[in-house]
PDB file of N, CA and C in Angstrom:
ATOM      1  N   MET A   1      83.227 121.724  90.381  1.00  0.00           N
ATOM      2  CA  MET A   1      82.926 121.273  91.717  1.00  0.00           C
ATOM      3  C   MET A   1      83.284 119.800  91.921  1.00  0.00           C
ATOM      4  N   PHE A   2      83.200 119.023  90.847  1.00  0.00           N
ATOM      5  CA  PHE A   2      83.541 117.605  90.932  1.00  0.00           C
ATOM      6  C   PHE A   2      84.974 117.426  91.413  1.00  0.00           C
ATOM      7  N   GLN A   3      85.901 118.192  90.843  1.00  0.00           N
ATOM      8  CA  GLN A   3      87.313 118.058  91.214  1.00  0.00           C
ATOM      9  C   GLN A   3      87.550 118.454  92.668  1.00  0.00           C
ATOM     10  N   THR A   4      86.830 119.468  93.119  1.00  0.00           N
ATOM     11  CA  THR A   4      86.960 119.896  94.509  1.00  0.00           C
ATOM     12  C   THR A   4      86.473 118.803  95.452  1.00  0.00           C
ATOM     13  N   ARG A   5      85.342 118.211  95.124  1.00  0.00           N
ATOM     14  CA  ARG A   5      84.786 117.125  95.952  1.00  0.00           C
ATOM     15  C   ARG A   5      85.715 115.904  95.927  1.00  0.00           C
ATOM     16  N   LEU A   6      86.227 115.580  94.745  1.00  0.00           N
ATOM     17  CA  LEU A   6      87.153 114.456  94.609  1.00  0.00           C
ATOM     18  C   LEU A   6      88.411 114.691  95.447  1.00  0.00           C
ATOM     19  N   ALA A   7      88.928 115.908  95.416  1.00  0.00           N
ATOM     20  CA  ALA A   7      90.119 116.245  96.209  1.00  0.00           C
ATOM     21  C   ALA A   7      89.821 116.128  97.707  1.00  0.00           C
ATOM     22  N   TYR A   8      88.644 116.572  98.116  1.00  0.00           N
ATOM     23  CA  TYR A   8      88.235 116.491  99.523  1.00  0.00           C
ATOM     24  C   TYR A   8      88.172 115.035  99.982  1.00  0.00           C
ATOM     25  N   LEU A   9      87.527 114.183  99.191  1.00  0.00           N
ATOM     26  CA  LEU A   9      87.434 112.764  99.543  1.00  0.00           C
ATOM     27  C   LEU A   9      88.799 112.081  99.469  1.00  0.00           C
ATOM     28  N   SER A  10      89.645 112.520  98.551  1.00  0.00           N
ATOM     29  CA  SER A  10      91.007 111.972  98.468  1.00  0.00           C
ATOM     30  C   SER A  10      91.803 112.307  99.723  1.00  0.00           C
ATOM     31  N   ASP A  11      91.616 113.517 100.247  1.00  0.00           N
ATOM     32  CA  ASP A  11      92.277 113.898 101.500  1.00  0.00           C
ATOM     33  C   ASP A  11      91.794 113.016 102.654  1.00  0.00           C
ATOM     34  N   ILE A  12      90.488 112.789 102.715  1.00  0.00           N
ATOM     35  CA  ILE A  12      89.936 111.913 103.751  1.00  0.00           C
ATOM     36  C   ILE A  12      90.522 110.512 103.608  1.00  0.00           C
ATOM     37  N   ASP A  13      90.628 110.032 102.370  1.00  0.00           N
ATOM     38  CA  ASP A  13      91.169 108.695 102.118  1.00  0.00           C
ATOM     39  C   ASP A  13      92.633 108.593 102.545  1.00  0.00           C
ATOM     40  N   LYS A  14      93.423 109.622 102.297  1.00  0.00           N
ATOM     41  CA  LYS A  14      94.835 109.606 102.707  1.00  0.00           C
ATOM     42  C   LYS A  14      94.957 109.490 104.223  1.00  0.00           C
ATOM     43  N   ILE A  15      94.112 110.221 104.927  1.00  0.00           N
ATOM     44  CA  ILE A  15      94.129 110.151 106.390  1.00  0.00           C
ATOM     45  C   ILE A  15      93.701 108.759 106.846  1.00  0.00           C
ATOM     46  N   ALA A  16      92.656 108.218 106.215  1.00  0.00           N
ATOM     47  CA  ALA A  16      92.171 106.877 106.564  1.00  0.00           C
ATOM     48  C   ALA A  16      93.256 105.829 106.340  1.00  0.00           C
ATOM     49  N   LYS A  17      93.969 105.942 105.225  1.00  0.00           N
ATOM     50  CA  LYS A  17      95.038 104.987 104.930  1.00  0.00           C
ATOM     51  C   LYS A  17      96.154 105.089 105.964  1.00  0.00           C
ATOM     52  N   SER A  18      96.524 106.299 106.310  1.00  0.00           N
ATOM     53  CA  SER A  18      97.578 106.511 107.302  1.00  0.00           C
ATOM     54  C   SER A  18      97.175 105.930 108.659  1.00  0.00           C
ATOM     55  N   ILE A  19      95.926 106.123 109.035  1.00  0.00           N
ATOM     56  CA  ILE A  19      95.435 105.575 110.303  1.00  0.00           C
ATOM     57  C   ILE A  19      95.463 104.053 110.261  1.00  0.00           C
ATOM     58  N   ALA A  20      95.027 103.462 109.149  1.00  0.00           N
ATOM     59  CA  ALA A  20      95.046 101.995 109.007  1.00  0.00           C
ATOM     60  C   ALA A  20      96.474 101.461 109.077  1.00  0.00           C
ATOM     61  N   GLU A  21      97.407 102.166 108.438  1.00  0.00           N
ATOM     62  CA  GLU A  21      98.816 101.748 108.475  1.00  0.00           C
ATOM     63  C   GLU A  21      99.370 101.819 109.894  1.00  0.00           C
ATOM     64  N   ASP A  22      99.066 102.915 110.578  1.00  0.00           N
ATOM     65  CA  ASP A  22      99.543 103.063 111.955  1.00  0.00           C
ATOM     66  C   ASP A  22      98.952 101.984 112.862  1.00  0.00           C
ATOM     67  N   PHE A  23      97.663 101.713 112.699  1.00  0.00           N
ATOM     68  CA  PHE A  23      97.010 100.689 113.517  1.00  0.00           C
ATOM     69  C   PHE A  23      97.608  99.313 113.249  1.00  0.00           C
ATOM     70  N   THR A  24      97.853  99.015 111.977  1.00  0.00           N
ATOM     71  CA  THR A  24      98.477  97.744 111.607  1.00  0.00           C
ATOM     72  C   THR A  24      99.871  97.635 112.223  1.00  0.00           C
ATOM     73  N   GLY A  25     100.562  98.764 112.313  1.00  0.00           N
ATOM     74  CA  GLY A  25     101.899  98.788 112.905  1.00  0.00           C
ATOM     75  C   GLY A  25     101.905  98.816 114.420  1.00  0.00           C
ATOM     76  N   GLY A  26     100.733  98.758 115.035  1.00  0.00           N
ATOM     77  CA  GLY A  26     100.652  98.712 116.485  1.00  0.00           C
ATOM     78  C   GLY A  26     100.657 100.061 117.177  1.00  0.00           C
ATOM     79  N   GLN A  27     100.526 101.139 116.409  1.00  0.00           N
ATOM     80  CA  GLN A  27     100.523 102.467 117.008  1.00  0.00           C
ATOM     81  C   GLN A  27      99.121 102.837 117.489  1.00  0.00           C
ATOM     82  N   LYS A  28      99.064 103.770 118.415  1.00  0.00           N
ATOM     83  CA  LYS A  28      97.785 104.271 118.916  1.00  0.00           C
ATOM     84  C   LYS A  28      97.173 105.207 117.876  1.00  0.00           C
ATOM     85  N   ILE A  29      95.882 105.066 117.648  1.00  0.00           N
ATOM     86  CA  ILE A  29      95.223 105.873 116.615  1.00  0.00           C
ATOM     87  C   ILE A  29      94.035 106.674 117.142  1.00  0.00           C
ATOM     88  N   THR A  30      93.665 106.476 118.383  1.00  0.00           N
ATOM     89  CA  THR A  30      92.446 107.089 118.912  1.00  0.00           C
ATOM     90  C   THR A  30      92.445 108.600 118.755  1.00  0.00           C
ATOM     91  N   GLU A  31      93.535 109.252 119.129  1.00  0.00           N
ATOM     92  CA  GLU A  31      93.587 110.714 119.065  1.00  0.00           C
ATOM     93  C   GLU A  31      93.421 111.211 117.631  1.00  0.00           C
ATOM     94  N   ARG A  32      94.124 110.604 116.686  1.00  0.00           N
ATOM     95  CA  ARG A  32      94.011 111.024 115.277  1.00  0.00           C
ATOM     96  C   ARG A  32      92.623 110.745 114.728  1.00  0.00           C
ATOM     97  N   LEU A  33      92.062 109.618 115.114  1.00  0.00           N
ATOM     98  CA  LEU A  33      90.730 109.247 114.666  1.00  0.00           C
ATOM     99  C   LEU A  33      89.707 110.280 115.132  1.00  0.00           C
ATOM    100  N   LEU A  34      89.744 110.606 116.406  1.00  0.00           N
ATOM    101  CA  LEU A  34      88.802 111.580 116.949  1.00  0.00           C
ATOM    102  C   LEU A  34      89.049 112.979 116.401  1.00  0.00           C
ATOM    103  N   LYS A  35      90.306 113.365 116.223  1.00  0.00           N
ATOM    104  CA  LYS A  35      90.607 114.679 115.650  1.00  0.00           C
ATOM    105  C   LYS A  35      90.049 114.789 114.238  1.00  0.00           C
ATOM    106  N   THR A  36      90.164 113.732 113.462  1.00  0.00           N
ATOM    107  CA  THR A  36      89.649 113.755 112.096  1.00  0.00           C
ATOM    108  C   THR A  36      88.132 113.869 112.094  1.00  0.00           C
ATOM    109  N   ILE A  37      87.466 113.170 112.997  1.00  0.00           N
ATOM    110  CA  ILE A  37      86.008 113.278 113.087  1.00  0.00           C
ATOM    111  C   ILE A  37      85.604 114.696 113.476  1.00  0.00           C
ATOM    112  N   ILE A  38      86.322 115.296 114.414  1.00  0.00           N
ATOM    113  CA  ILE A  38      86.056 116.692 114.786  1.00  0.00           C
ATOM    114  C   ILE A  38      86.275 117.603 113.584  1.00  0.00           C
ATOM    115  N   ASP A  39      87.348 117.374 112.831  1.00  0.00           N
ATOM    116  CA  ASP A  39      87.612 118.171 111.628  1.00  0.00           C
ATOM    117  C   ASP A  39      86.477 118.043 110.615  1.00  0.00           C
ATOM    118  N   LEU A  40      85.932 116.839 110.471  1.00  0.00           N
ATOM    119  CA  LEU A  40      84.797 116.646 109.561  1.00  0.00           C
ATOM    120  C   LEU A  40      83.604 117.485 110.015  1.00  0.00           C
ATOM    121  N   TYR A  41      83.325 117.476 111.308  1.00  0.00           N
ATOM    122  CA  TYR A  41      82.221 118.285 111.828  1.00  0.00           C
ATOM    123  C   TYR A  41      82.497 119.777 111.630  1.00  0.00           C
ATOM    124  N   GLN A  42      83.729 120.204 111.850  1.00  0.00           N
ATOM    125  CA  GLN A  42      84.075 121.613 111.651  1.00  0.00           C
ATOM    126  C   GLN A  42      83.931 122.021 110.185  1.00  0.00           C
ATOM    127  N   SER A  43      84.276 121.115 109.278  1.00  0.00           N
ATOM    128  CA  SER A  43      84.159 121.439 107.852  1.00  0.00           C
ATOM    129  C   SER A  43      82.709 121.635 107.445  1.00  0.00           C
ATOM    130  N   ALA A  44      81.785 121.034 108.186  1.00  0.00           N
ATOM    131  CA  ALA A  44      80.363 121.192 107.884  1.00  0.00           C
ATOM    132  C   ALA A  44      79.868 122.588 108.240  1.00  0.00           C
ATOM    133  N   LYS A  45      80.649 123.318 108.998  1.00  0.00           N
ATOM    134  CA  LYS A  45      80.251 124.662 109.416  1.00  0.00           C
ATOM    135  C   LYS A  45      80.882 125.752 108.555  1.00  0.00           C
ATOM    136  N   VAL A  46      81.442 125.367 107.437  1.00  0.00           N
ATOM    137  CA  VAL A  46      82.160 126.327 106.593  1.00  0.00           C
ATOM    138  C   VAL A  46      81.248 127.448 106.084  1.00  0.00           C
ATOM    139  N   GLU A  47      79.943 127.195 106.015  1.00  0.00           N
ATOM    140  CA  GLU A  47      79.012 128.232 105.567  1.00  0.00           C
ATOM    141  C   GLU A  47      79.092 129.482 106.441  1.00  0.00           C
ATOM    142  N   GLN A  48      79.523 129.306 107.676  1.00  0.00           N
ATOM    143  CA  GLN A  48      79.619 130.439 108.593  1.00  0.00           C
ATOM    144  C   GLN A  48      80.649 131.472 108.128  1.00  0.00           C
ATOM    145  N   ALA A  49      81.552 131.079 107.249  1.00  0.00           N
ATOM    146  CA  ALA A  49      82.544 132.019 106.718  1.00  0.00           C
ATOM    147  C   ALA A  49      81.881 133.108 105.876  1.00  0.00           C
ATOM    148  N   PHE A  50      80.670 132.855 105.397  1.00  0.00           N
ATOM    149  CA  PHE A  50      79.956 133.823 104.571  1.00  0.00           C
ATOM    150  C   PHE A  50      79.069 134.752 105.402  1.00  0.00           C
ATOM    151  N   LYS A  51      79.039 134.538 106.693  1.00  0.00           N
ATOM    152  CA  LYS A  51      78.177 135.324 107.570  1.00  0.00           C
ATOM    153  C   LYS A  51      78.671 136.763 107.645  1.00  0.00           C
ATOM    154  N   ASP A  52      77.752 137.675 107.440  1.00  0.00           N
ATOM    155  CA  ASP A  52      78.021 139.094 107.633  1.00  0.00           C
ATOM    156  C   ASP A  52      76.706 139.759 108.029  1.00  0.00           C
ATOM    157  N   GLU A  53      76.645 141.071 107.972  1.00  0.00           N
ATOM    158  CA  GLU A  53      75.423 141.752 108.401  1.00  0.00           C
ATOM    159  C   GLU A  53      74.260 141.543 107.430  1.00  0.00           C
ATOM    160  N   TYR A  54      74.525 140.999 106.227  1.00  0.00           N
ATOM    161  CA  TYR A  54      73.478 140.806 105.227  1.00  0.00           C
ATOM    162  C   TYR A  54      73.149 139.342 104.946  1.00  0.00           C
ATOM    163  N   PHE A  55      73.973 138.432 105.438  1.00  0.00           N
ATOM    164  CA  PHE A  55      73.747 137.014 105.145  1.00  0.00           C
ATOM    165  C   PHE A  55      74.107 136.168 106.356  1.00  0.00           C
ATOM    166  N   GLU A  56      73.229 135.218 106.638  1.00  0.00           N
ATOM    167  CA  GLU A  56      73.475 134.292 107.734  1.00  0.00           C
ATOM    168  C   GLU A  56      72.765 132.981 107.410  1.00  0.00           C
ATOM    169  N   THR A  57      73.372 131.871 107.771  1.00  0.00           N
ATOM    170  CA  THR A  57      72.740 130.573 107.558  1.00  0.00           C
ATOM    171  C   THR A  57      72.604 129.862 108.899  1.00  0.00           C
ATOM    172  N   ALA A  58      71.483 129.193 109.065  1.00  0.00           N
ATOM    173  CA  ALA A  58      71.204 128.536 110.341  1.00  0.00           C
ATOM    174  C   ALA A  58      71.463 127.040 110.295  1.00  0.00           C
ATOM    175  N   TYR A  59      71.850 126.520 109.152  1.00  0.00           N
ATOM    176  CA  TYR A  59      72.052 125.076 109.045  1.00  0.00           C
ATOM    177  C   TYR A  59      73.501 124.777 108.694  1.00  0.00           C
ATOM    178  N   HIS A  60      73.861 123.538 108.933  1.00  0.00           N
ATOM    179  CA  HIS A  60      75.182 123.049 108.548  1.00  0.00           C
ATOM    180  C   HIS A  60      74.985 121.877 107.605  1.00  0.00           C
ATOM    181  N   SER A  61      75.922 121.692 106.717  1.00  0.00           N
ATOM    182  CA  SER A  61      75.856 120.547 105.814  1.00  0.00           C
ATOM    183  C   SER A  61      76.000 119.264 106.623  1.00  0.00           C
ATOM    184  N   PRO A  62      75.239 118.225 106.288  1.00  0.00           N
ATOM    185  CA  PRO A  62      75.396 116.952 106.997  1.00  0.00           C
ATOM    186  C   PRO A  62      76.735 116.306 106.643  1.00  0.00           C
ATOM    187  N   ILE A  63      77.312 115.588 107.584  1.00  0.00           N
ATOM    188  CA  ILE A  63      78.590 114.917 107.316  1.00  0.00           C
ATOM    189  C   ILE A  63      78.453 113.403 107.331  1.00  0.00           C
ATOM    190  N   THR A  64      77.229 112.920 107.371  1.00  0.00           N
ATOM    191  CA  THR A  64      77.015 111.477 107.455  1.00  0.00           C
ATOM    192  C   THR A  64      77.776 110.730 106.373  1.00  0.00           C
ATOM    193  N   GLY A  65      77.683 111.201 105.139  1.00  0.00           N
ATOM    194  CA  GLY A  65      78.366 110.538 104.031  1.00  0.00           C
ATOM    195  C   GLY A  65      79.872 110.544 104.177  1.00  0.00           C
ATOM    196  N   GLU A  66      80.429 111.674 104.579  1.00  0.00           N
ATOM    197  CA  GLU A  66      81.873 111.780 104.747  1.00  0.00           C
ATOM    198  C   GLU A  66      82.365 110.908 105.900  1.00  0.00           C
ATOM    199  N   LEU A  67      81.607 110.884 106.992  1.00  0.00           N
ATOM    200  CA  LEU A  67      81.988 110.059 108.137  1.00  0.00           C
ATOM    201  C   LEU A  67      81.919 108.576 107.771  1.00  0.00           C
ATOM    202  N   GLU A  68      80.861 108.190 107.068  1.00  0.00           N
ATOM    203  CA  GLU A  68      80.737 106.802 106.618  1.00  0.00           C
ATOM    204  C   GLU A  68      81.882 106.438 105.667  1.00  0.00           C
ATOM    205  N   PHE A  69      82.210 107.342 104.746  1.00  0.00           N
ATOM    206  CA  PHE A  69      83.310 107.126 103.808  1.00  0.00           C
ATOM    207  C   PHE A  69      84.624 106.956 104.568  1.00  0.00           C
ATOM    208  N   PHE A  70      84.879 107.828 105.534  1.00  0.00           N
ATOM    209  CA  PHE A  70      86.105 107.792 106.328  1.00  0.00           C
ATOM    210  C   PHE A  70      86.259 106.454 107.048  1.00  0.00           C
ATOM    211  N   ILE A  71      85.216 106.025 107.739  1.00  0.00           N
ATOM    212  CA  ILE A  71      85.280 104.760 108.473  1.00  0.00           C
ATOM    213  C   ILE A  71      85.441 103.582 107.520  1.00  0.00           C
ATOM    214  N   ALA A  72      84.686 103.595 106.424  1.00  0.00           N
ATOM    215  CA  ALA A  72      84.789 102.503 105.444  1.00  0.00           C
ATOM    216  C   ALA A  72      86.180 102.439 104.826  1.00  0.00           C
ATOM    217  N   ARG A  73      86.788 103.590 104.560  1.00  0.00           N
ATOM    218  CA  ARG A  73      88.129 103.599 103.965  1.00  0.00           C
ATOM    219  C   ARG A  73      89.188 103.120 104.964  1.00  0.00           C
ATOM    220  N   ILE A  74      89.017 103.416 106.243  1.00  0.00           N
ATOM    221  CA  ILE A  74      89.930 102.857 107.247  1.00  0.00           C
ATOM    222  C   ILE A  74      89.834 101.340 107.212  1.00  0.00           C
ATOM    223  N   LEU A  75      88.615 100.829 107.230  1.00  0.00           N
ATOM    224  CA  LEU A  75      88.415  99.375 107.194  1.00  0.00           C
ATOM    225  C   LEU A  75      88.948  98.772 105.901  1.00  0.00           C
ATOM    226  N   PHE A  76      88.732  99.461 104.780  1.00  0.00           N
ATOM    227  CA  PHE A  76      89.235  98.985 103.485  1.00  0.00           C
ATOM    228  C   PHE A  76      90.756  98.880 103.500  1.00  0.00           C
ATOM    229  N   HIS A  77      91.420  99.965 103.912  1.00  0.00           N
ATOM    230  CA  HIS A  77      92.886  99.968 103.926  1.00  0.00           C
ATOM    231  C   HIS A  77      93.432  98.946 104.923  1.00  0.00           C
ATOM    232  N   TYR A  78      92.789  98.839 106.083  1.00  0.00           N
ATOM    233  CA  TYR A  78      93.215  97.839 107.065  1.00  0.00           C
ATOM    234  C   TYR A  78      93.080  96.437 106.476  1.00  0.00           C
ATOM    235  N   SER A  79      91.974  96.191 105.815  1.00  0.00           N
ATOM    236  CA  SER A  79      91.736  94.890 105.182  1.00  0.00           C
ATOM    237  C   SER A  79      92.796  94.593 104.127  1.00  0.00           C
ATOM    238  N   ALA A  80      93.102  95.584 103.306  1.00  0.00           N
ATOM    239  CA  ALA A  80      94.103  95.399 102.250  1.00  0.00           C
ATOM    240  C   ALA A  80      95.492  95.147 102.841  1.00  0.00           C
ATOM    241  N   LEU A  81      95.834  95.889 103.875  1.00  0.00           N
ATOM    242  CA  LEU A  81      97.149  95.734 104.503  1.00  0.00           C
ATOM    243  C   LEU A  81      97.315  94.381 105.192  1.00  0.00           C
ATOM    244  N   ASN A  82      96.206  93.799 105.601  1.00  0.00           N
ATOM    245  CA  ASN A  82      96.251  92.552 106.361  1.00  0.00           C
ATOM    246  C   ASN A  82      95.664  91.374 105.593  1.00  0.00           C
ATOM    247  N   ASP A  83      95.602  91.508 104.268  1.00  0.00           N
ATOM    248  CA  ASP A  83      95.129  90.433 103.384  1.00  0.00           C
ATOM    249  C   ASP A  83      93.797  89.838 103.823  1.00  0.00           C
ATOM    250  N   LYS A  84      92.847  90.701 104.152  1.00  0.00           N
ATOM    251  CA  LYS A  84      91.532  90.239 104.600  1.00  0.00           C
ATOM    252  C   LYS A  84      90.524  90.160 103.452  1.00  0.00           C
ATOM    253  N   ASN A  85      90.842  90.784 102.319  1.00  0.00           N
ATOM    254  CA  ASN A  85      89.985  90.732 101.127  1.00  0.00           C
ATOM    255  C   ASN A  85      88.541  91.130 101.407  1.00  0.00           C
ATOM    256  N   GLY A  86      88.338  92.174 102.190  1.00  0.00           N
ATOM    257  CA  GLY A  86      86.983  92.639 102.486  1.00  0.00           C
ATOM    258  C   GLY A  86      86.438  93.529 101.386  1.00  0.00           C
ATOM    259  N   LYS A  87      85.118  93.601 101.304  1.00  0.00           N
ATOM    260  CA  LYS A  87      84.446  94.512 100.378  1.00  0.00           C
ATOM    261  C   LYS A  87      83.589  95.444 101.213  1.00  0.00           C
ATOM    262  N   PHE A  88      83.719  96.743 100.970  1.00  0.00           N
ATOM    263  CA  PHE A  88      83.017  97.738 101.757  1.00  0.00           C
ATOM    264  C   PHE A  88      82.130  98.562 100.845  1.00  0.00           C
ATOM    265  N   ILE A  89      80.857  98.658 101.201  1.00  0.00           N
ATOM    266  CA  ILE A  89      79.877  99.390 100.402  1.00  0.00           C
ATOM    267  C   ILE A  89      79.359 100.545 101.244  1.00  0.00           C
ATOM    268  N   CYS A  90      79.535 101.764 100.741  1.00  0.00           N
ATOM    269  CA  CYS A  90      79.023 102.944 101.432  1.00  0.00           C
ATOM    270  C   CYS A  90      77.635 103.260 100.894  1.00  0.00           C
ATOM    271  N   GLY A  91      76.764 103.664 101.771  1.00  0.00           N
ATOM    272  CA  GLY A  91      75.431 104.068 101.346  1.00  0.00           C
ATOM    273  C   GLY A  91      74.463 102.910 101.320  1.00  0.00           C
ATOM    274  N   ASP A  92      73.292 103.199 100.794  1.00  0.00           N
ATOM    275  CA  ASP A  92      72.205 102.231 100.743  1.00  0.00           C
ATOM    276  C   ASP A  92      72.197 101.574  99.378  1.00  0.00           C
ATOM    277  N   LYS A  93      72.709 100.367  99.308  1.00  0.00           N
ATOM    278  CA  LYS A  93      72.765  99.654  98.031  1.00  0.00           C
ATOM    279  C   LYS A  93      71.504  98.816  97.883  1.00  0.00           C
ATOM    280  N   LYS A  94      70.730  99.129  96.865  1.00  0.00           N
ATOM    281  CA  LYS A  94      69.494  98.397  96.600  1.00  0.00           C
ATOM    282  C   LYS A  94      69.807  97.123  95.840  1.00  0.00           C
ATOM    283  N   ALA A  95      69.090  96.064  96.160  1.00  0.00           N
ATOM    284  CA  ALA A  95      69.290  94.771  95.484  1.00  0.00           C
ATOM    285  C   ALA A  95      68.695  94.787  94.094  1.00  0.00           C
TER     286      ALA A  95
END
């Protein structure tokens, strides 16, 4: 499962990097940004694929972590591309 999760986050990172590159190049990114967020929400509903007459789930996996990761990686890549030297921390970092 680790490799699957790593691959999923790597895919999100590739999209984030591409968006940061396009934004740095002066291209419009709003549509791709919103489409990716919609895709993240849709991926949270994947449990519905198991629905049949004997099994049903009423909840969806939260995407807060993935959305935070996506936004942070856009900012990270943008910072790197523009020599901003930013540091981005996802989650609740305790002192």
